[in-house]
């Protein structure tokens, strides 16, 4: 829980409300896929790497032709990079346990003493 809050807080510091939305979405995707570990890992790697690869590809397509002089400040490139960073950060959050809680409690000293006296 605290790691999730930290991920969203860092995303908010990095990019404001857009960061909070994207980080929340990344955490949500990983939560929805928590029972399918291989798929969750594959989606995480694909999004984290793919976003930066596509952002780099967009930057390599003549960034000097932008009206502003640099295409890296455009919302599309920034969003691709943000999605990658958010998914990478979301991967640090431990997956929720999918196993039901066990009812077997370890023996305490008092229960051991009662058995020994009987």
N, C-alpha and C. Protein backbone atom coordinates (compact mmCIF):
# COMPACT_ATOMS: atom_id res chain seq x y z
N UNK A 1 0.82 -1.19 0.00
CA UNK A 1 0.00 0.00 0.00
C UNK A 1 0.86 1.25 0.00
N UNK A 2 1.86 1.32 0.87
CA UNK A 2 2.67 2.53 0.94
C UNK A 2 3.51 2.71 -0.32
N UNK A 3 3.91 1.61 -0.94
CA UNK A 3 4.67 1.72 -2.18
C UNK A 3 3.80 2.29 -3.28
N UNK A 4 2.54 1.91 -3.32
CA UNK A 4 1.61 2.45 -4.31
C UNK A 4 1.43 3.94 -4.13
N UNK A 5 1.30 4.37 -2.89
CA UNK A 5 1.16 5.79 -2.60
C UNK A 5 2.42 6.54 -3.03
N UNK A 6 3.58 5.94 -2.77
CA UNK A 6 4.84 6.58 -3.16
C UNK A 6 4.94 6.71 -4.67
N UNK A 7 4.52 5.69 -5.40
CA UNK A 7 4.56 5.74 -6.87
C UNK A 7 3.68 6.86 -7.39
N UNK A 8 2.48 6.98 -6.86
CA UNK A 8 1.57 8.04 -7.30
C UNK A 8 2.10 9.41 -6.88
N UNK A 9 2.68 9.51 -5.70
CA UNK A 9 3.22 10.79 -5.24
C UNK A 9 4.38 11.25 -6.11
N UNK A 10 5.27 10.34 -6.46
CA UNK A 10 6.39 10.69 -7.32
C UNK A 10 5.89 11.09 -8.71
N UNK A 11 4.91 10.38 -9.22
CA UNK A 11 4.33 10.73 -10.52
C UNK A 11 3.70 12.11 -10.48
N UNK A 12 3.08 12.45 -9.36
CA UNK A 12 2.48 13.78 -9.21
C UNK A 12 3.55 14.86 -9.20
N UNK A 13 4.66 14.58 -8.55
CA UNK A 13 5.76 15.56 -8.52
C UNK A 13 6.37 15.71 -9.91
N UNK A 14 6.51 14.61 -10.62
CA UNK A 14 7.14 14.65 -11.95
C UNK A 14 6.24 15.35 -12.96
N UNK A 15 4.96 15.01 -13.01
CA UNK A 15 4.11 15.58 -14.07
C UNK A 15 2.71 15.96 -13.66
N UNK A 16 2.49 16.22 -12.41
CA UNK A 16 1.20 16.74 -11.98
C UNK A 16 0.06 15.74 -12.09
N UNK A 17 -1.10 16.26 -12.44
CA UNK A 17 -2.31 15.43 -12.50
C UNK A 17 -2.20 14.35 -13.57
N UNK A 18 -1.53 14.67 -14.67
CA UNK A 18 -1.34 13.64 -15.71
C UNK A 18 -0.52 12.48 -15.17
N UNK A 19 0.47 12.77 -14.36
CA UNK A 19 1.28 11.73 -13.75
C UNK A 19 0.48 10.86 -12.81
N UNK A 20 -0.40 11.49 -12.03
CA UNK A 20 -1.26 10.73 -11.11
C UNK A 20 -2.18 9.79 -11.89
N UNK A 21 -2.75 10.29 -12.98
CA UNK A 21 -3.66 9.47 -13.79
C UNK A 21 -2.93 8.31 -14.43
N UNK A 22 -1.77 8.59 -15.02
CA UNK A 22 -1.01 7.54 -15.70
C UNK A 22 -0.47 6.52 -14.70
N UNK A 23 0.04 6.99 -13.56
CA UNK A 23 0.55 6.05 -12.55
C UNK A 23 -0.59 5.20 -11.99
N UNK A 24 -1.74 5.81 -11.76
CA UNK A 24 -2.90 5.05 -11.30
C UNK A 24 -3.33 4.00 -12.31
N UNK A 25 -3.28 4.36 -13.58
CA UNK A 25 -3.62 3.39 -14.63
C UNK A 25 -2.61 2.24 -14.66
N UNK A 26 -1.33 2.57 -14.53
CA UNK A 26 -0.29 1.53 -14.53
C UNK A 26 -0.47 0.59 -13.34
N UNK A 27 -0.74 1.16 -12.17
CA UNK A 27 -0.98 0.32 -10.99
C UNK A 27 -2.25 -0.52 -11.18
N UNK A 28 -3.27 0.07 -11.79
CA UNK A 28 -4.51 -0.66 -12.03
C UNK A 28 -4.33 -1.83 -12.98
N UNK A 29 -3.56 -1.62 -14.04
CA UNK A 29 -3.30 -2.71 -15.00
C UNK A 29 -2.57 -3.84 -14.31
N UNK A 30 -1.55 -3.51 -13.52
CA UNK A 30 -0.81 -4.56 -12.83
C UNK A 30 -1.70 -5.27 -11.80
N UNK A 31 -2.59 -4.53 -11.17
CA UNK A 31 -3.50 -5.15 -10.20
C UNK A 31 -4.47 -6.10 -10.89
N UNK A 32 -5.00 -5.68 -12.02
CA UNK A 32 -5.93 -6.54 -12.76
C UNK A 32 -5.26 -7.81 -13.28
N UNK A 33 -3.97 -7.73 -13.57
CA UNK A 33 -3.24 -8.89 -14.09
C UNK A 33 -2.48 -9.65 -13.01
N UNK A 34 -2.75 -9.37 -11.75
CA UNK A 34 -1.96 -9.97 -10.66
C UNK A 34 -2.05 -11.48 -10.60
N UNK A 35 -3.14 -12.06 -11.06
CA UNK A 35 -3.29 -13.52 -11.02
C UNK A 35 -2.65 -14.21 -12.22
N UNK A 36 -2.26 -13.42 -13.22
CA UNK A 36 -1.62 -13.97 -14.43
C UNK A 36 -0.22 -13.38 -14.50
N UNK A 37 0.67 -13.98 -13.71
CA UNK A 37 2.01 -13.43 -13.49
C UNK A 37 2.81 -13.25 -14.78
N UNK A 38 2.80 -14.25 -15.64
CA UNK A 38 3.58 -14.14 -16.89
C UNK A 38 3.05 -13.02 -17.78
N UNK A 39 1.74 -12.92 -17.90
CA UNK A 39 1.15 -11.85 -18.71
C UNK A 39 1.43 -10.49 -18.09
N UNK A 40 1.35 -10.40 -16.78
CA UNK A 40 1.63 -9.15 -16.08
C UNK A 40 3.06 -8.70 -16.34
N UNK A 41 3.99 -9.64 -16.23
CA UNK A 41 5.40 -9.31 -16.49
C UNK A 41 5.62 -8.92 -17.94
N UNK A 42 4.98 -9.62 -18.86
CA UNK A 42 5.14 -9.30 -20.29
C UNK A 42 4.58 -7.92 -20.62
N UNK A 43 3.42 -7.60 -20.08
CA UNK A 43 2.81 -6.28 -20.31
C UNK A 43 3.69 -5.19 -19.71
N UNK A 44 4.21 -5.44 -18.52
CA UNK A 44 5.07 -4.45 -17.86
C UNK A 44 6.31 -4.16 -18.69
N UNK A 45 6.98 -5.20 -19.14
CA UNK A 45 8.19 -5.02 -19.94
C UNK A 45 7.86 -4.35 -21.27
N UNK A 46 6.79 -4.79 -21.91
CA UNK A 46 6.42 -4.22 -23.21
C UNK A 46 6.08 -2.74 -23.10
N UNK A 47 5.34 -2.36 -22.09
CA UNK A 47 4.95 -0.96 -21.94
C UNK A 47 6.14 -0.10 -21.51
N UNK A 48 6.92 -0.60 -20.54
CA UNK A 48 8.05 0.18 -20.05
C UNK A 48 9.10 0.39 -21.15
N UNK A 49 9.41 -0.64 -21.87
CA UNK A 49 10.41 -0.51 -22.94
C UNK A 49 9.81 0.12 -24.18
N UNK A 50 8.61 -0.30 -24.54
CA UNK A 50 7.98 0.17 -25.76
C UNK A 50 7.73 1.67 -25.77
N UNK A 51 7.31 2.22 -24.65
CA UNK A 51 7.06 3.65 -24.59
C UNK A 51 8.30 4.47 -24.85
N UNK A 52 9.41 4.06 -24.26
CA UNK A 52 10.66 4.79 -24.48
C UNK A 52 11.20 4.58 -25.88
N UNK A 53 11.02 3.39 -26.41
CA UNK A 53 11.47 3.13 -27.78
C UNK A 53 10.69 3.99 -28.77
N UNK A 54 9.37 4.04 -28.60
CA UNK A 54 8.55 4.84 -29.50
C UNK A 54 8.85 6.33 -29.32
N UNK A 55 9.04 6.77 -28.07
CA UNK A 55 9.38 8.17 -27.83
C UNK A 55 10.71 8.52 -28.51
N UNK A 56 11.68 7.62 -28.42
CA UNK A 56 12.95 7.84 -29.09
C UNK A 56 12.80 7.87 -30.60
N UNK A 57 11.94 7.01 -31.12
CA UNK A 57 11.71 6.99 -32.57
C UNK A 57 11.05 8.28 -33.03
N UNK A 58 10.12 8.79 -32.25
CA UNK A 58 9.48 10.06 -32.60
C UNK A 58 10.50 11.19 -32.58
N UNK A 59 11.36 11.17 -31.58
CA UNK A 59 12.39 12.21 -31.49
C UNK A 59 13.38 12.12 -32.65
N UNK A 60 13.61 10.93 -33.15
CA UNK A 60 14.58 10.79 -34.23
C UNK A 60 14.02 11.17 -35.60
N UNK A 61 12.73 11.43 -35.66
CA UNK A 61 12.11 11.82 -36.93
C UNK A 61 12.18 13.33 -37.11
N UNK A 62 13.35 13.82 -37.38
CA UNK A 62 13.56 15.24 -37.65
C UNK A 62 13.02 16.17 -36.57
N UNK A 63 13.54 16.07 -35.36
CA UNK A 63 13.04 16.93 -34.28
C UNK A 63 13.30 18.41 -34.55
N UNK A 64 14.24 18.73 -35.42
CA UNK A 64 14.57 20.12 -35.71
C UNK A 64 13.52 20.82 -36.56
N UNK A 65 12.54 20.07 -37.07
CA UNK A 65 11.50 20.67 -37.90
C UNK A 65 10.30 21.15 -37.08
N UNK A 66 10.34 20.98 -35.80
CA UNK A 66 9.24 21.43 -34.97
C UNK A 66 9.18 22.96 -34.98
N UNK A 67 7.99 23.50 -34.89
CA UNK A 67 7.82 24.95 -34.85
C UNK A 67 8.50 25.53 -33.62
N UNK A 68 8.44 24.78 -32.53
CA UNK A 68 9.06 25.23 -31.29
C UNK A 68 10.57 25.01 -31.29
N UNK A 69 11.09 24.31 -32.27
CA UNK A 69 12.52 24.05 -32.34
C UNK A 69 12.93 22.70 -31.77
N UNK A 70 12.05 22.08 -30.99
CA UNK A 70 12.38 20.78 -30.40
C UNK A 70 11.09 20.04 -30.15
N UNK A 71 10.96 18.85 -30.72
CA UNK A 71 9.73 18.08 -30.61
C UNK A 71 9.61 17.35 -29.27
N UNK A 72 10.68 17.28 -28.51
CA UNK A 72 10.67 16.57 -27.23
C UNK A 72 9.74 17.17 -26.20
N UNK A 73 9.36 18.42 -26.40
CA UNK A 73 8.44 19.06 -25.47
C UNK A 73 6.97 18.82 -25.83
N UNK A 74 6.72 18.12 -26.93
CA UNK A 74 5.34 17.89 -27.33
C UNK A 74 4.66 16.91 -26.37
N UNK A 75 3.36 17.06 -26.25
CA UNK A 75 2.60 16.23 -25.31
C UNK A 75 2.69 14.74 -25.63
N UNK A 76 2.72 14.40 -26.92
CA UNK A 76 2.77 12.99 -27.30
C UNK A 76 4.05 12.30 -26.85
N UNK A 77 5.18 12.95 -27.07
CA UNK A 77 6.47 12.37 -26.67
C UNK A 77 6.55 12.30 -25.15
N UNK A 78 6.10 13.34 -24.48
CA UNK A 78 6.13 13.34 -23.03
C UNK A 78 5.23 12.25 -22.45
N UNK A 79 4.07 12.04 -23.06
CA UNK A 79 3.15 11.00 -22.59
C UNK A 79 3.76 9.61 -22.76
N UNK A 80 4.39 9.38 -23.89
CA UNK A 80 5.03 8.07 -24.11
C UNK A 80 6.10 7.80 -23.05
N UNK A 81 6.91 8.79 -22.76
CA UNK A 81 7.95 8.63 -21.75
C UNK A 81 7.32 8.46 -20.36
N UNK A 82 6.27 9.21 -20.08
CA UNK A 82 5.61 9.11 -18.78
C UNK A 82 4.99 7.74 -18.57
N UNK A 83 4.37 7.20 -19.59
CA UNK A 83 3.77 5.86 -19.49
C UNK A 83 4.86 4.83 -19.17
N UNK A 84 6.00 4.95 -19.82
CA UNK A 84 7.11 4.02 -19.56
C UNK A 84 7.60 4.12 -18.13
N UNK A 85 7.83 5.33 -17.67
CA UNK A 85 8.33 5.53 -16.31
C UNK A 85 7.29 5.09 -15.28
N UNK A 86 6.03 5.37 -15.54
CA UNK A 86 4.98 4.98 -14.60
C UNK A 86 4.87 3.46 -14.50
N UNK A 87 4.97 2.77 -15.62
CA UNK A 87 4.88 1.30 -15.58
C UNK A 87 6.10 0.72 -14.87
N UNK A 88 7.25 1.31 -15.10
CA UNK A 88 8.45 0.85 -14.41
C UNK A 88 8.31 1.06 -12.91
N UNK A 89 7.80 2.22 -12.51
CA UNK A 89 7.60 2.49 -11.09
C UNK A 89 6.54 1.56 -10.49
N UNK A 90 5.48 1.29 -11.25
CA UNK A 90 4.43 0.38 -10.76
C UNK A 90 4.96 -1.03 -10.58
N UNK A 91 5.98 -1.39 -11.33
CA UNK A 91 6.53 -2.75 -11.18
C UNK A 91 7.26 -2.93 -9.85
N UNK A 92 7.54 -1.84 -9.14
CA UNK A 92 8.20 -1.97 -7.84
C UNK A 92 7.22 -2.28 -6.72
N UNK A 93 5.93 -2.15 -7.01
CA UNK A 93 4.90 -2.42 -6.01
C UNK A 93 4.68 -3.93 -5.93
N UNK A 94 4.82 -4.51 -4.73
CA UNK A 94 4.60 -5.95 -4.61
C UNK A 94 3.17 -6.33 -4.98
N UNK A 95 3.03 -7.45 -5.65
CA UNK A 95 1.70 -7.92 -6.05
C UNK A 95 0.91 -8.32 -4.83
N UNK A 96 -0.39 -8.06 -4.88
CA UNK A 96 -1.27 -8.47 -3.78
C UNK A 96 -1.31 -9.99 -3.74
N UNK A 97 -1.35 -10.53 -2.57
CA UNK A 97 -1.39 -11.98 -2.41
C UNK A 97 -2.68 -12.54 -2.98
N UNK A 98 -2.57 -13.56 -3.81
CA UNK A 98 -3.75 -14.18 -4.38
C UNK A 98 -4.12 -15.47 -3.65
N UNK A 99 -3.28 -15.86 -2.70
CA UNK A 99 -3.56 -17.08 -1.94
C UNK A 99 -4.48 -16.75 -0.77
N UNK A 100 -5.42 -17.64 -0.45
CA UNK A 100 -6.27 -17.39 0.71
C UNK A 100 -5.44 -17.49 1.99
N UNK A 101 -5.81 -16.75 3.00
CA UNK A 101 -5.05 -16.82 4.25
C UNK A 101 -5.17 -18.21 4.88
N UNK A 102 -4.10 -18.66 5.46
CA UNK A 102 -4.11 -19.99 6.09
C UNK A 102 -4.67 -19.87 7.50
N UNK A 103 -5.31 -20.94 7.95
CA UNK A 103 -5.87 -20.94 9.30
C UNK A 103 -4.94 -21.63 10.29
N UNK A 104 -3.90 -22.25 9.81
CA UNK A 104 -2.95 -22.90 10.69
C UNK A 104 -2.09 -21.86 11.37
N UNK A 105 -2.21 -21.80 12.67
CA UNK A 105 -1.42 -20.86 13.45
C UNK A 105 -0.27 -21.62 14.09
N UNK A 106 0.90 -21.00 14.16
CA UNK A 106 2.01 -21.69 14.81
C UNK A 106 1.71 -21.90 16.30
N UNK A 107 2.24 -22.96 16.82
CA UNK A 107 2.02 -23.28 18.22
C UNK A 107 2.68 -22.23 19.10
N UNK A 108 1.93 -21.78 20.10
CA UNK A 108 2.49 -20.83 21.06
C UNK A 108 2.94 -21.59 22.29
N UNK A 109 3.67 -20.94 23.13
CA UNK A 109 4.16 -21.60 24.35
C UNK A 109 3.03 -22.07 25.23
N UNK A 110 1.94 -21.29 25.32
CA UNK A 110 0.83 -21.68 26.20
C UNK A 110 0.14 -22.94 25.67
N UNK A 111 -0.02 -23.08 24.34
CA UNK A 111 -0.67 -24.26 23.81
C UNK A 111 0.22 -25.48 23.94
N UNK A 112 1.51 -25.30 23.86
CA UNK A 112 2.44 -26.41 24.03
C UNK A 112 2.41 -26.88 25.48
N UNK A 113 2.34 -25.96 26.42
CA UNK A 113 2.32 -26.32 27.84
C UNK A 113 1.04 -27.09 28.17
N UNK A 114 -0.12 -26.67 27.61
CA UNK A 114 -1.36 -27.36 27.88
C UNK A 114 -1.31 -28.79 27.36
N UNK A 115 -0.73 -29.00 26.20
CA UNK A 115 -0.63 -30.34 25.64
C UNK A 115 0.30 -31.18 26.50
N UNK A 116 1.38 -30.60 26.96
CA UNK A 116 2.35 -31.35 27.74
C UNK A 116 1.78 -31.74 29.10
N UNK A 117 0.90 -30.94 29.69
CA UNK A 117 0.31 -31.25 30.99
C UNK A 117 -0.78 -32.30 30.90
N UNK A 118 -1.38 -32.45 29.78
CA UNK A 118 -2.51 -33.38 29.64
C UNK A 118 -2.11 -34.79 29.71
